[in-house]
PDB file of N, CA and C in Angstrom:
ATOM      1  N   THR A   1     -34.653  -7.296   3.942  1.00  0.00           N
ATOM      2  CA  THR A   1     -34.235  -7.629   5.299  1.00  0.00           C
ATOM      3  C   THR A   1     -35.241  -8.590   5.903  1.00  0.00           C
ATOM      4  N   ALA A   2     -34.739  -9.587   6.592  1.00  0.00           N
ATOM      5  CA  ALA A   2     -35.587 -10.534   7.310  1.00  0.00           C
ATOM      6  C   ALA A   2     -35.021 -10.702   8.710  1.00  0.00           C
ATOM      7  N   THR A   3     -35.886 -10.773   9.699  1.00  0.00           N
ATOM      8  CA  THR A   3     -35.482 -10.985  11.086  1.00  0.00           C
ATOM      9  C   THR A   3     -36.169 -12.235  11.595  1.00  0.00           C
ATOM     10  N   LEU A   4     -35.402 -13.122  12.213  1.00  0.00           N
ATOM     11  CA  LEU A   4     -35.928 -14.348  12.804  1.00  0.00           C
ATOM     12  C   LEU A   4     -35.642 -14.297  14.291  1.00  0.00           C
ATOM     13  N   ASN A   5     -36.661 -14.340  15.111  1.00  0.00           N
ATOM     14  CA  ASN A   5     -36.501 -14.320  16.565  1.00  0.00           C
ATOM     15  C   ASN A   5     -36.903 -15.678  17.128  1.00  0.00           C
ATOM     16  N   ALA A   6     -36.023 -16.279  17.916  1.00  0.00           N
ATOM     17  CA  ALA A   6     -36.307 -17.546  18.580  1.00  0.00           C
ATOM     18  C   ALA A   6     -36.115 -17.335  20.071  1.00  0.00           C
ATOM     19  N   SER A   7     -37.010 -17.864  20.877  1.00  0.00           N
ATOM     20  CA  SER A   7     -36.950 -17.621  22.320  1.00  0.00           C
ATOM     21  C   SER A   7     -35.778 -18.324  23.000  1.00  0.00           C
ATOM     22  N   ASP A   8     -35.310 -19.452  22.446  1.00  0.00           N
ATOM     23  CA  ASP A   8     -34.241 -20.199  23.113  1.00  0.00           C
ATOM     24  C   ASP A   8     -33.121 -20.596  22.163  1.00  0.00           C
ATOM     25  N   ARG A   9     -33.448 -21.212  21.040  1.00  0.00           N
ATOM     26  CA  ARG A   9     -32.426 -21.771  20.159  1.00  0.00           C
ATOM     27  C   ARG A   9     -32.990 -21.918  18.756  1.00  0.00           C
ATOM     28  N   LEU A  10     -32.106 -21.791  17.771  1.00  0.00           N
ATOM     29  CA  LEU A  10     -32.444 -22.046  16.375  1.00  0.00           C
ATOM     30  C   LEU A  10     -31.511 -23.137  15.883  1.00  0.00           C
ATOM     31  N   THR A  11     -32.049 -24.208  15.358  1.00  0.00           N
ATOM     32  CA  THR A  11     -31.254 -25.318  14.851  1.00  0.00           C
ATOM     33  C   THR A  11     -31.469 -25.436  13.351  1.00  0.00           C
ATOM     34  N   LEU A  12     -30.376 -25.439  12.601  1.00  0.00           N
ATOM     35  CA  LEU A  12     -30.418 -25.696  11.169  1.00  0.00           C
ATOM     36  C   LEU A  12     -29.810 -27.077  10.961  1.00  0.00           C
ATOM     37  N   ASP A  13     -30.627 -28.079  10.712  1.00  0.00           N
ATOM     38  CA  ASP A  13     -30.175 -29.463  10.585  1.00  0.00           C
ATOM     39  C   ASP A  13     -29.978 -29.782   9.104  1.00  0.00           C
ATOM     40  N   THR A  14     -28.769 -29.541   8.624  1.00  0.00           N
ATOM     41  CA  THR A  14     -28.450 -29.733   7.214  1.00  0.00           C
ATOM     42  C   THR A  14     -26.981 -30.138   7.090  1.00  0.00           C
ATOM     43  N   PRO A  15     -26.630 -30.934   6.099  1.00  0.00           N
ATOM     44  CA  PRO A  15     -25.234 -31.340   5.971  1.00  0.00           C
ATOM     45  C   PRO A  15     -24.293 -30.205   5.574  1.00  0.00           C
ATOM     46  N   SER A  16     -24.822 -29.136   5.005  1.00  0.00           N
ATOM     47  CA  SER A  16     -23.966 -28.036   4.575  1.00  0.00           C
ATOM     48  C   SER A  16     -24.757 -26.734   4.603  1.00  0.00           C
ATOM     49  N   LEU A  17     -24.088 -25.643   4.995  1.00  0.00           N
ATOM     50  CA  LEU A  17     -24.702 -24.316   5.021  1.00  0.00           C
ATOM     51  C   LEU A  17     -23.756 -23.358   4.313  1.00  0.00           C
ATOM     52  N   HIS A  18     -24.280 -22.608   3.347  1.00  0.00           N
ATOM     53  CA  HIS A  18     -23.456 -21.691   2.554  1.00  0.00           C
ATOM     54  C   HIS A  18     -24.031 -20.288   2.688  1.00  0.00           C
ATOM     55  N   LEU A  19     -23.230 -19.365   3.227  1.00  0.00           N
ATOM     56  CA  LEU A  19     -23.628 -17.969   3.347  1.00  0.00           C
ATOM     57  C   LEU A  19     -22.854 -17.186   2.301  1.00  0.00           C
ATOM     58  N   THR A  20     -23.529 -16.292   1.581  1.00  0.00           N
ATOM     59  CA  THR A  20     -22.864 -15.583   0.488  1.00  0.00           C
ATOM     60  C   THR A  20     -22.449 -14.163   0.845  1.00  0.00           C
ATOM     61  N   GLY A  21     -22.727 -13.714   2.038  1.00  0.00           N
ATOM     62  CA  GLY A  21     -22.355 -12.360   2.438  1.00  0.00           C
ATOM     63  C   GLY A  21     -21.496 -12.382   3.680  1.00  0.00           C
ATOM     64  N   ASN A  22     -21.322 -11.243   4.281  1.00  0.00           N
ATOM     65  CA  ASN A  22     -20.551 -11.122   5.518  1.00  0.00           C
ATOM     66  C   ASN A  22     -21.333 -11.710   6.686  1.00  0.00           C
ATOM     67  N   LEU A  23     -20.622 -12.162   7.701  1.00  0.00           N
ATOM     68  CA  LEU A  23     -21.233 -12.731   8.897  1.00  0.00           C
ATOM     69  C   LEU A  23     -20.748 -11.956  10.109  1.00  0.00           C
ATOM     70  N   THR A  24     -21.683 -11.474  10.902  1.00  0.00           N
ATOM     71  CA  THR A  24     -21.367 -10.778  12.144  1.00  0.00           C
ATOM     72  C   THR A  24     -21.986 -11.561  13.286  1.00  0.00           C
ATOM     73  N   VAL A  25     -21.193 -11.850  14.318  1.00  0.00           N
ATOM     74  CA  VAL A  25     -21.664 -12.589  15.482  1.00  0.00           C
ATOM     75  C   VAL A  25     -21.465 -11.720  16.707  1.00  0.00           C
ATOM     76  N   GLU A  26     -22.522 -11.519  17.460  1.00  0.00           N
ATOM     77  CA  GLU A  26     -22.430 -10.752  18.709  1.00  0.00           C
ATOM     78  C   GLU A  26     -22.570 -11.719  19.881  1.00  0.00           C
ATOM     79  N   GLY A  27     -21.554 -12.511  20.099  1.00  0.00           N
ATOM     80  CA  GLY A  27     -21.567 -13.508  21.163  1.00  0.00           C
ATOM     81  C   GLY A  27     -20.455 -14.514  20.922  1.00  0.00           C
ATOM     82  N   THR A  28     -20.459 -15.573  21.685  1.00  0.00           N
ATOM     83  CA  THR A  28     -19.436 -16.606  21.632  1.00  0.00           C
ATOM     84  C   THR A  28     -19.701 -17.572  20.489  1.00  0.00           C
ATOM     85  N   ILE A  29     -18.638 -18.019  19.843  1.00  0.00           N
ATOM     86  CA  ILE A  29     -18.738 -19.067  18.832  1.00  0.00           C
ATOM     87  C   ILE A  29     -18.089 -20.321  19.399  1.00  0.00           C
ATOM     88  N   GLN A  30     -18.799 -21.432  19.362  1.00  0.00           N
ATOM     89  CA  GLN A  30     -18.254 -22.719  19.787  1.00  0.00           C
ATOM     90  C   GLN A  30     -18.223 -23.635  18.575  1.00  0.00           C
ATOM     91  N   ALA A  31     -17.084 -24.266  18.331  1.00  0.00           N
ATOM     92  CA  ALA A  31     -16.936 -25.183  17.209  1.00  0.00           C
ATOM     93  C   ALA A  31     -16.481 -26.534  17.740  1.00  0.00           C
ATOM     94  N   HIS A  32     -17.051 -27.604  17.208  1.00  0.00           N
ATOM     95  CA  HIS A  32     -16.669 -28.952  17.621  1.00  0.00           C
ATOM     96  C   HIS A  32     -15.743 -29.605  16.598  1.00  0.00           C
ATOM     97  N   GLY A  33     -15.375 -28.869  15.579  1.00  0.00           N
ATOM     98  CA  GLY A  33     -14.419 -29.322  14.578  1.00  0.00           C
ATOM     99  C   GLY A  33     -13.405 -28.222  14.345  1.00  0.00           C
ATOM    100  N   ASP A  34     -12.566 -28.413  13.357  1.00  0.00           N
ATOM    101  CA  ASP A  34     -11.541 -27.419  13.053  1.00  0.00           C
ATOM    102  C   ASP A  34     -12.174 -26.194  12.403  1.00  0.00           C
ATOM    103  N   ILE A  35     -11.520 -25.062  12.528  1.00  0.00           N
ATOM    104  CA  ILE A  35     -11.925 -23.814  11.891  1.00  0.00           C
ATOM    105  C   ILE A  35     -10.827 -23.456  10.903  1.00  0.00           C
ATOM    106  N   THR A  36     -11.195 -23.167   9.663  1.00  0.00           N
ATOM    107  CA  THR A  36     -10.227 -22.874   8.618  1.00  0.00           C
ATOM    108  C   THR A  36     -10.422 -21.465   8.091  1.00  0.00           C
ATOM    109  N   ALA A  37      -9.331 -20.725   7.980  1.00  0.00           N
ATOM    110  CA  ALA A  37      -9.341 -19.398   7.368  1.00  0.00           C
ATOM    111  C   ALA A  37      -8.141 -19.315   6.437  1.00  0.00           C
ATOM    112  N   ALA A  38      -8.354 -18.886   5.203  1.00  0.00           N
ATOM    113  CA  ALA A  38      -7.276 -18.779   4.209  1.00  0.00           C
ATOM    114  C   ALA A  38      -6.500 -20.096   4.093  1.00  0.00           C
ATOM    115  N   ASP A  39      -7.209 -21.213   4.102  1.00  0.00           N
ATOM    116  CA  ASP A  39      -6.627 -22.555   3.973  1.00  0.00           C
ATOM    117  C   ASP A  39      -5.709 -22.955   5.121  1.00  0.00           C
ATOM    118  N   ILE A  40      -5.794 -22.281   6.267  1.00  0.00           N
ATOM    119  CA  ILE A  40      -4.999 -22.643   7.444  1.00  0.00           C
ATOM    120  C   ILE A  40      -5.955 -23.066   8.552  1.00  0.00           C
ATOM    121  N   GLY A  41      -5.802 -24.290   9.056  1.00  0.00           N
ATOM    122  CA  GLY A  41      -6.658 -24.815  10.105  1.00  0.00           C
ATOM    123  C   GLY A  41      -6.190 -24.382  11.487  1.00  0.00           C
ATOM    124  N   LEU A  42      -7.119 -24.068  12.346  1.00  0.00           N
ATOM    125  CA  LEU A  42      -6.795 -23.608  13.696  1.00  0.00           C
ATOM    126  C   LEU A  42      -6.163 -24.716  14.542  1.00  0.00           C
ATOM    127  N   GLN A  43      -6.617 -25.960  14.385  1.00  0.00           N
ATOM    128  CA  GLN A  43      -6.137 -27.049  15.235  1.00  0.00           C
ATOM    129  C   GLN A  43      -4.718 -27.504  14.905  1.00  0.00           C
ATOM    130  N   ARG A  44      -4.320 -27.456  13.651  1.00  0.00           N
ATOM    131  CA  ARG A  44      -3.034 -28.037  13.263  1.00  0.00           C
ATOM    132  C   ARG A  44      -2.014 -27.011  12.767  1.00  0.00           C
ATOM    133  N   HIS A  45      -2.317 -25.729  12.836  1.00  0.00           N
ATOM    134  CA  HIS A  45      -1.353 -24.735  12.343  1.00  0.00           C
ATOM    135  C   HIS A  45      -0.225 -24.543  13.352  1.00  0.00           C
ATOM    136  N   HIS A  46       0.859 -23.946  12.908  1.00  0.00           N
ATOM    137  CA  HIS A  46       1.992 -23.677  13.794  1.00  0.00           C
ATOM    138  C   HIS A  46       2.640 -22.351  13.397  1.00  0.00           C
ATOM    139  N   HIS A  47       3.431 -21.826  14.271  1.00  0.00           N
ATOM    140  CA  HIS A  47       4.211 -20.613  14.031  1.00  0.00           C
ATOM    141  C   HIS A  47       5.682 -20.997  14.102  1.00  0.00           C
ATOM    142  N   THR A  48       6.521 -20.280  13.374  1.00  0.00           N
ATOM    143  CA  THR A  48       7.933 -20.677  13.300  1.00  0.00           C
ATOM    144  C   THR A  48       8.833 -19.997  14.324  1.00  0.00           C
ATOM    145  N   ALA A  49       8.378 -18.931  14.980  1.00  0.00           N
ATOM    146  CA  ALA A  49       9.210 -18.232  15.974  1.00  0.00           C
ATOM    147  C   ALA A  49       9.410 -19.112  17.204  1.00  0.00           C
ATOM    148  N   GLN A  50      10.552 -18.987  17.836  1.00  0.00           N
ATOM    149  CA  GLN A  50      10.871 -19.773  19.021  1.00  0.00           C
ATOM    150  C   GLN A  50      11.167 -18.846  20.193  1.00  0.00           C
ATOM    151  N   GLY A  51      10.776 -19.243  21.379  1.00  0.00           N
ATOM    152  CA  GLY A  51      11.126 -18.499  22.584  1.00  0.00           C
ATOM    153  C   GLY A  51      10.073 -17.488  23.007  1.00  0.00           C
ATOM    154  N   PRO A  52      10.093 -17.118  24.303  1.00  0.00           N
ATOM    155  CA  PRO A  52       9.064 -16.239  24.861  1.00  0.00           C
ATOM    156  C   PRO A  52       9.118 -14.801  24.344  1.00  0.00           C
ATOM    157  N   ASN A  53      10.265 -14.328  23.872  1.00  0.00           N
ATOM    158  CA  ASN A  53      10.389 -12.954  23.377  1.00  0.00           C
ATOM    159  C   ASN A  53      10.440 -12.865  21.859  1.00  0.00           C
ATOM    160  N   ALA A  54      10.247 -13.990  21.179  1.00  0.00           N
ATOM    161  CA  ALA A  54      10.292 -13.990  19.715  1.00  0.00           C
ATOM    162  C   ALA A  54       9.021 -13.349  19.162  1.00  0.00           C
ATOM    163  N   PRO A  55       9.139 -12.610  18.067  1.00  0.00           N
ATOM    164  CA  PRO A  55       7.939 -12.012  17.476  1.00  0.00           C
ATOM    165  C   PRO A  55       7.025 -13.095  16.905  1.00  0.00           C
ATOM    166  N   THR A  56       5.749 -12.830  16.867  1.00  0.00           N
ATOM    167  CA  THR A  56       4.806 -13.784  16.293  1.00  0.00           C
ATOM    168  C   THR A  56       4.970 -13.797  14.781  1.00  0.00           C
ATOM    169  N   THR A  57       5.110 -14.991  14.233  1.00  0.00           N
ATOM    170  CA  THR A  57       5.241 -15.132  12.786  1.00  0.00           C
ATOM    171  C   THR A  57       3.880 -15.493  12.203  1.00  0.00           C
ATOM    172  N   PRO A  58       3.700 -15.325  10.900  1.00  0.00           N
ATOM    173  CA  PRO A  58       2.434 -15.743  10.295  1.00  0.00           C
ATOM    174  C   PRO A  58       2.220 -17.240  10.498  1.00  0.00           C
ATOM    175  N   ALA A  59       0.975 -17.642  10.654  1.00  0.00           N
ATOM    176  CA  ALA A  59       0.650 -19.056  10.838  1.00  0.00           C
ATOM    177  C   ALA A  59       1.024 -19.844   9.596  1.00  0.00           C
ATOM    178  N   GLN A  60       1.535 -21.038   9.804  1.00  0.00           N
ATOM    179  CA  GLN A  60       1.891 -21.948   8.719  1.00  0.00           C
ATOM    180  C   GLN A  60       0.889 -23.091   8.722  1.00  0.00           C
ATOM    181  N   GLY A  61       0.388 -23.458   7.566  1.00  0.00           N
ATOM    182  CA  GLY A  61      -0.624 -24.500   7.439  1.00  0.00           C
ATOM    183  C   GLY A  61      -0.141 -25.869   7.678  1.00  0.00           C
TER     184      GLY A  61
END
């Protein structure tokens, strides 16, 4: 176990970051690009259901 404490901010200035385990965040996440999960992007995905009372369908990539 390792703990890193920073008084204000921690910056990792690298073109790529790879984490091999689970990630837990206790706070807000802000992203300036798209977020992808299971090959589906948050910015360009869509759902196929129509209308205010339609059930939510799985996201389509």
